[in-house]
Amino acid sequence: MTLARPISPINCRRCCWLWYLQSICARCTTVLFFELEPDNPNSRVGGVFIYTGHVSLEFAKGVLFDDPQAVLEGKGKFRRHIKLRALHDITAKTCNSFLRQAIALT
Protein backbone atom coordinates (compact mmCIF):
# COMPACT_ATOMS: atom_id res chain seq x y z
CA MET A 1 0.00 0.00 0.00
CA THR A 2 1.26 3.44 -0.82
CA LEU A 3 0.37 6.32 1.47
CA ALA A 4 -0.27 9.75 0.03
CA ARG A 5 1.54 11.29 2.99
CA PRO A 6 2.96 10.01 6.28
CA ILE A 7 0.50 9.35 9.09
CA SER A 8 0.87 11.88 11.87
CA PRO A 9 0.41 10.62 15.41
CA ILE A 10 -2.98 12.36 15.73
CA ASN A 11 -4.61 9.51 17.54
CA CYS A 12 -2.97 6.22 18.45
CA ARG A 13 -6.30 4.40 18.56
CA ARG A 14 -7.16 5.32 14.98
CA CYS A 15 -3.69 4.33 13.82
CA CYS A 16 -4.29 0.93 15.43
CA TRP A 17 -7.45 0.66 13.35
CA LEU A 18 -5.38 1.32 10.23
CA TRP A 19 -2.94 -1.46 11.08
CA TYR A 20 -5.81 -3.84 11.87
CA LEU A 21 -7.41 -3.08 8.49
CA GLN A 22 -4.06 -3.72 6.82
CA SER A 23 -3.85 -7.12 8.52
CA ILE A 24 -7.29 -8.00 7.11
CA CYS A 25 -6.09 -6.93 3.67
CA ALA A 26 -3.05 -9.14 4.02
CA ARG A 27 -5.30 -12.14 4.69
CA CYS A 28 -7.38 -11.37 1.58
CA THR A 29 -4.45 -11.08 -0.79
CA THR A 30 -0.68 -11.27 -0.84
CA VAL A 31 -0.55 -7.62 -1.89
CA LEU A 32 -1.85 -4.69 0.12
CA PHE A 33 -4.05 -3.58 -2.66
CA PHE A 34 -5.00 0.06 -2.30
CA GLU A 35 -2.58 0.80 -5.12
CA LEU A 36 -1.97 -2.43 -6.99
CA GLU A 37 0.72 -0.98 -9.24
CA PRO A 38 3.02 1.56 -7.58
CA ASP A 39 2.68 5.04 -9.06
CA ASN A 40 -0.20 4.00 -11.34
CA PRO A 41 -3.31 6.03 -10.44
CA ASN A 42 -5.47 3.67 -12.53
CA SER A 43 -4.66 0.80 -10.15
CA ARG A 44 -6.00 2.56 -7.07
CA VAL A 45 -8.99 0.65 -5.75
CA GLY A 46 -9.48 2.36 -2.41
CA GLY A 47 -7.89 3.65 0.73
CA VAL A 48 -8.08 4.27 4.44
CA PHE A 49 -8.53 7.83 5.65
CA ILE A 50 -8.30 8.99 9.27
CA TYR A 51 -10.66 11.74 10.41
CA THR A 52 -11.29 13.27 13.84
CA GLY A 53 -14.38 11.19 14.63
CA HIS A 54 -13.92 8.10 12.48
CA VAL A 55 -11.80 6.09 10.08
CA SER A 56 -13.12 5.77 6.54
CA LEU A 57 -12.50 2.69 4.40
CA GLU A 58 -13.14 3.80 0.82
CA PHE A 59 -13.56 1.91 -2.44
CA ALA A 60 -13.15 3.42 -5.90
CA LYS A 61 -15.67 1.01 -7.50
CA GLY A 62 -17.88 0.51 -4.46
CA VAL A 63 -21.03 1.17 -6.48
CA LEU A 64 -20.52 -2.28 -8.07
CA PHE A 65 -20.34 -4.17 -4.77
CA ASP A 66 -22.94 -6.57 -3.45
CA ASP A 67 -24.17 -4.87 -0.25
CA PRO A 68 -27.36 -6.61 0.96
CA GLN A 69 -27.12 -5.08 4.46
CA ALA A 70 -26.65 -1.51 3.13
CA VAL A 71 -23.34 -0.99 4.95
CA LEU A 72 -21.74 1.17 2.26
CA GLU A 73 -22.30 4.91 2.33
CA GLY A 74 -21.93 7.54 -0.36
CA LYS A 75 -23.90 8.81 -3.29
CA GLY A 76 -21.13 9.49 -5.79
CA LYS A 77 -21.00 8.04 -9.27
CA PHE A 78 -18.58 5.22 -8.33
CA ARG A 79 -16.98 5.61 -4.89
CA ARG A 80 -18.47 4.15 -1.70
CA HIS A 81 -17.13 4.14 1.87
CA ILE A 82 -17.61 2.62 5.30
CA LYS A 83 -17.32 4.83 8.38
CA LEU A 84 -15.67 3.03 11.28
CA ARG A 85 -16.31 4.67 14.63
CA ALA A 86 -15.21 1.77 16.84
CA LEU A 87 -12.77 -1.10 16.36
CA HIS A 88 -15.57 -3.68 16.39
CA ASP A 89 -17.12 -1.94 13.35
CA ILE A 90 -14.43 -3.58 11.22
CA THR A 91 -15.98 -7.00 11.78
CA ALA A 92 -19.57 -5.87 12.36
CA LYS A 93 -19.63 -4.08 9.00
CA THR A 94 -17.99 -7.07 7.24
CA CYS A 95 -15.06 -5.07 5.89
CA ASN A 96 -13.28 -8.22 4.74
CA SER A 97 -16.18 -9.00 2.38
CA PHE A 98 -15.85 -5.60 0.73
CA LEU A 99 -12.06 -5.90 0.54
CA ARG A 100 -12.44 -9.21 -1.28
CA GLN A 101 -14.94 -7.68 -3.69
CA ALA A 102 -12.55 -4.81 -4.42
CA ILE A 103 -9.79 -7.30 -5.23
CA ALA A 104 -12.11 -9.34 -7.46
CA LEU A 105 -13.01 -6.25 -9.52
CA THR A 106 -9.41 -5.44 -10.42
C-alpha atoms as a PDB file:
ATOM      1  CA  MET A   1       0.000   0.000   0.000  1.00  0.00           C
ATOM      2  CA  THR A   2       1.265   3.438  -0.816  1.00  0.00           C
ATOM      3  CA  LEU A   3       0.368   6.316   1.470  1.00  0.00           C
ATOM      4  CA  ALA A   4      -0.269   9.746   0.033  1.00  0.00           C
ATOM      5  CA  ARG A   5       1.543  11.294   2.989  1.00  0.00           C
ATOM      6  CA  PRO A   6       2.963  10.008   6.282  1.00  0.00           C
ATOM      7  CA  ILE A   7       0.500   9.352   9.087  1.00  0.00           C
ATOM      8  CA  SER A   8       0.874  11.879  11.867  1.00  0.00           C
ATOM      9  CA  PRO A   9       0.414  10.617  15.411  1.00  0.00           C
ATOM     10  CA  ILE A  10      -2.983  12.356  15.727  1.00  0.00           C
ATOM     11  CA  ASN A  11      -4.607   9.513  17.538  1.00  0.00           C
ATOM     12  CA  CYS A  12      -2.968   6.223  18.448  1.00  0.00           C
ATOM     13  CA  ARG A  13      -6.301   4.401  18.564  1.00  0.00           C
ATOM     14  CA  ARG A  14      -7.162   5.317  14.977  1.00  0.00           C
ATOM     15  CA  CYS A  15      -3.688   4.329  13.822  1.00  0.00           C
ATOM     16  CA  CYS A  16      -4.289   0.928  15.434  1.00  0.00           C
ATOM     17  CA  TRP A  17      -7.447   0.658  13.347  1.00  0.00           C
ATOM     18  CA  LEU A  18      -5.378   1.318  10.234  1.00  0.00           C
ATOM     19  CA  TRP A  19      -2.936  -1.463  11.082  1.00  0.00           C
ATOM     20  CA  TYR A  20      -5.808  -3.840  11.872  1.00  0.00           C
ATOM     21  CA  LEU A  21      -7.406  -3.079   8.488  1.00  0.00           C
ATOM     22  CA  GLN A  22      -4.060  -3.716   6.825  1.00  0.00           C
ATOM     23  CA  SER A  23      -3.854  -7.116   8.516  1.00  0.00           C
ATOM     24  CA  ILE A  24      -7.290  -8.001   7.115  1.00  0.00           C
ATOM     25  CA  CYS A  25      -6.094  -6.932   3.670  1.00  0.00           C
ATOM     26  CA  ALA A  26      -3.045  -9.136   4.020  1.00  0.00           C
ATOM     27  CA  ARG A  27      -5.299 -12.140   4.690  1.00  0.00           C
ATOM     28  CA  CYS A  28      -7.383 -11.369   1.583  1.00  0.00           C
ATOM     29  CA  THR A  29      -4.450 -11.085  -0.793  1.00  0.00           C
ATOM     30  CA  THR A  30      -0.679 -11.272  -0.836  1.00  0.00           C
ATOM     31  CA  VAL A  31      -0.554  -7.621  -1.893  1.00  0.00           C
ATOM     32  CA  LEU A  32      -1.847  -4.695   0.120  1.00  0.00           C
ATOM     33  CA  PHE A  33      -4.048  -3.581  -2.655  1.00  0.00           C
ATOM     34  CA  PHE A  34      -5.002   0.055  -2.298  1.00  0.00           C
ATOM     35  CA  GLU A  35      -2.577   0.796  -5.117  1.00  0.00           C
ATOM     36  CA  LEU A  36      -1.966  -2.431  -6.988  1.00  0.00           C
ATOM     37  CA  GLU A  37       0.723  -0.983  -9.235  1.00  0.00           C
ATOM     38  CA  PRO A  38       3.016   1.565  -7.579  1.00  0.00           C
ATOM     39  CA  ASP A  39       2.683   5.037  -9.059  1.00  0.00           C
ATOM     40  CA  ASN A  40      -0.199   3.997 -11.341  1.00  0.00           C
ATOM     41  CA  PRO A  41      -3.312   6.028 -10.442  1.00  0.00           C
ATOM     42  CA  ASN A  42      -5.470   3.666 -12.530  1.00  0.00           C
ATOM     43  CA  SER A  43      -4.657   0.802 -10.155  1.00  0.00           C
ATOM     44  CA  ARG A  44      -6.002   2.559  -7.068  1.00  0.00           C
ATOM     45  CA  VAL A  45      -8.993   0.649  -5.749  1.00  0.00           C
ATOM     46  CA  GLY A  46      -9.477   2.358  -2.413  1.00  0.00           C
ATOM     47  CA  GLY A  47      -7.894   3.649   0.725  1.00  0.00           C
ATOM     48  CA  VAL A  48      -8.081   4.268   4.435  1.00  0.00           C
ATOM     49  CA  PHE A  49      -8.531   7.828   5.654  1.00  0.00           C
ATOM     50  CA  ILE A  50      -8.305   8.995   9.265  1.00  0.00           C
ATOM     51  CA  TYR A  51     -10.663  11.740  10.412  1.00  0.00           C
ATOM     52  CA  THR A  52     -11.290  13.271  13.836  1.00  0.00           C
ATOM     53  CA  GLY A  53     -14.379  11.193  14.635  1.00  0.00           C
ATOM     54  CA  HIS A  54     -13.921   8.098  12.482  1.00  0.00           C
ATOM     55  CA  VAL A  55     -11.799   6.095  10.083  1.00  0.00           C
ATOM     56  CA  SER A  56     -13.123   5.773   6.537  1.00  0.00           C
ATOM     57  CA  LEU A  57     -12.501   2.686   4.404  1.00  0.00           C
ATOM     58  CA  GLU A  58     -13.144   3.803   0.819  1.00  0.00           C
ATOM     59  CA  PHE A  59     -13.562   1.912  -2.436  1.00  0.00           C
ATOM     60  CA  ALA A  60     -13.146   3.425  -5.903  1.00  0.00           C
ATOM     61  CA  LYS A  61     -15.670   1.014  -7.498  1.00  0.00           C
ATOM     62  CA  GLY A  62     -17.883   0.512  -4.455  1.00  0.00           C
ATOM     63  CA  VAL A  63     -21.031   1.169  -6.476  1.00  0.00           C
ATOM     64  CA  LEU A  64     -20.518  -2.275  -8.074  1.00  0.00           C
ATOM     65  CA  PHE A  65     -20.343  -4.174  -4.767  1.00  0.00           C
ATOM     66  CA  ASP A  66     -22.943  -6.571  -3.454  1.00  0.00           C
ATOM     67  CA  ASP A  67     -24.170  -4.869  -0.252  1.00  0.00           C
ATOM     68  CA  PRO A  68     -27.356  -6.613   0.964  1.00  0.00           C
ATOM     69  CA  GLN A  69     -27.124  -5.079   4.462  1.00  0.00           C
ATOM     70  CA  ALA A  70     -26.651  -1.509   3.134  1.00  0.00           C
ATOM     71  CA  VAL A  71     -23.342  -0.991   4.947  1.00  0.00           C
ATOM     72  CA  LEU A  72     -21.744   1.167   2.259  1.00  0.00           C
ATOM     73  CA  GLU A  73     -22.296   4.914   2.332  1.00  0.00           C
ATOM     74  CA  GLY A  74     -21.935   7.536  -0.357  1.00  0.00           C
ATOM     75  CA  LYS A  75     -23.900   8.810  -3.293  1.00  0.00           C
ATOM     76  CA  GLY A  76     -21.131   9.486  -5.794  1.00  0.00           C
ATOM     77  CA  LYS A  77     -20.998   8.039  -9.272  1.00  0.00           C
ATOM     78  CA  PHE A  78     -18.577   5.216  -8.330  1.00  0.00           C
ATOM     79  CA  ARG A  79     -16.981   5.606  -4.888  1.00  0.00           C
ATOM     80  CA  ARG A  80     -18.469   4.149  -1.697  1.00  0.00           C
ATOM     81  CA  HIS A  81     -17.130   4.141   1.866  1.00  0.00           C
ATOM     82  CA  ILE A  82     -17.610   2.620   5.302  1.00  0.00           C
ATOM     83  CA  LYS A  83     -17.316   4.830   8.378  1.00  0.00           C
ATOM     84  CA  LEU A  84     -15.671   3.028  11.280  1.00  0.00           C
ATOM     85  CA  ARG A  85     -16.308   4.670  14.626  1.00  0.00           C
ATOM     86  CA  ALA A  86     -15.209   1.774  16.840  1.00  0.00           C
ATOM     87  CA  LEU A  87     -12.770  -1.100  16.358  1.00  0.00           C
ATOM     88  CA  HIS A  88     -15.568  -3.684  16.390  1.00  0.00           C
ATOM     89  CA  ASP A  89     -17.120  -1.938  13.354  1.00  0.00           C
ATOM     90  CA  ILE A  90     -14.431  -3.581  11.220  1.00  0.00           C
ATOM     91  CA  THR A  91     -15.976  -6.997  11.777  1.00  0.00           C
ATOM     92  CA  ALA A  92     -19.570  -5.869  12.360  1.00  0.00           C
ATOM     93  CA  LYS A  93     -19.632  -4.082   8.999  1.00  0.00           C
ATOM     94  CA  THR A  94     -17.990  -7.072   7.237  1.00  0.00           C
ATOM     95  CA  CYS A  95     -15.057  -5.067   5.894  1.00  0.00           C
ATOM     96  CA  ASN A  96     -13.276  -8.223   4.736  1.00  0.00           C
ATOM     97  CA  SER A  97     -16.181  -9.002   2.381  1.00  0.00           C
ATOM     98  CA  PHE A  98     -15.851  -5.602   0.728  1.00  0.00           C
ATOM     99  CA  LEU A  99     -12.059  -5.895   0.542  1.00  0.00           C
ATOM    100  CA  ARG A 100     -12.444  -9.213  -1.280  1.00  0.00           C
ATOM    101  CA  GLN A 101     -14.944  -7.676  -3.695  1.00  0.00           C
ATOM    102  CA  ALA A 102     -12.546  -4.815  -4.424  1.00  0.00           C
ATOM    103  CA  ILE A 103      -9.790  -7.304  -5.235  1.00  0.00           C
ATOM    104  CA  ALA A 104     -12.109  -9.338  -7.465  1.00  0.00           C
ATOM    105  CA  LEU A 105     -13.014  -6.247  -9.515  1.00  0.00           C
ATOM    106  CA  THR A 106      -9.407  -5.441 -10.416  1.00  0.00           C
END
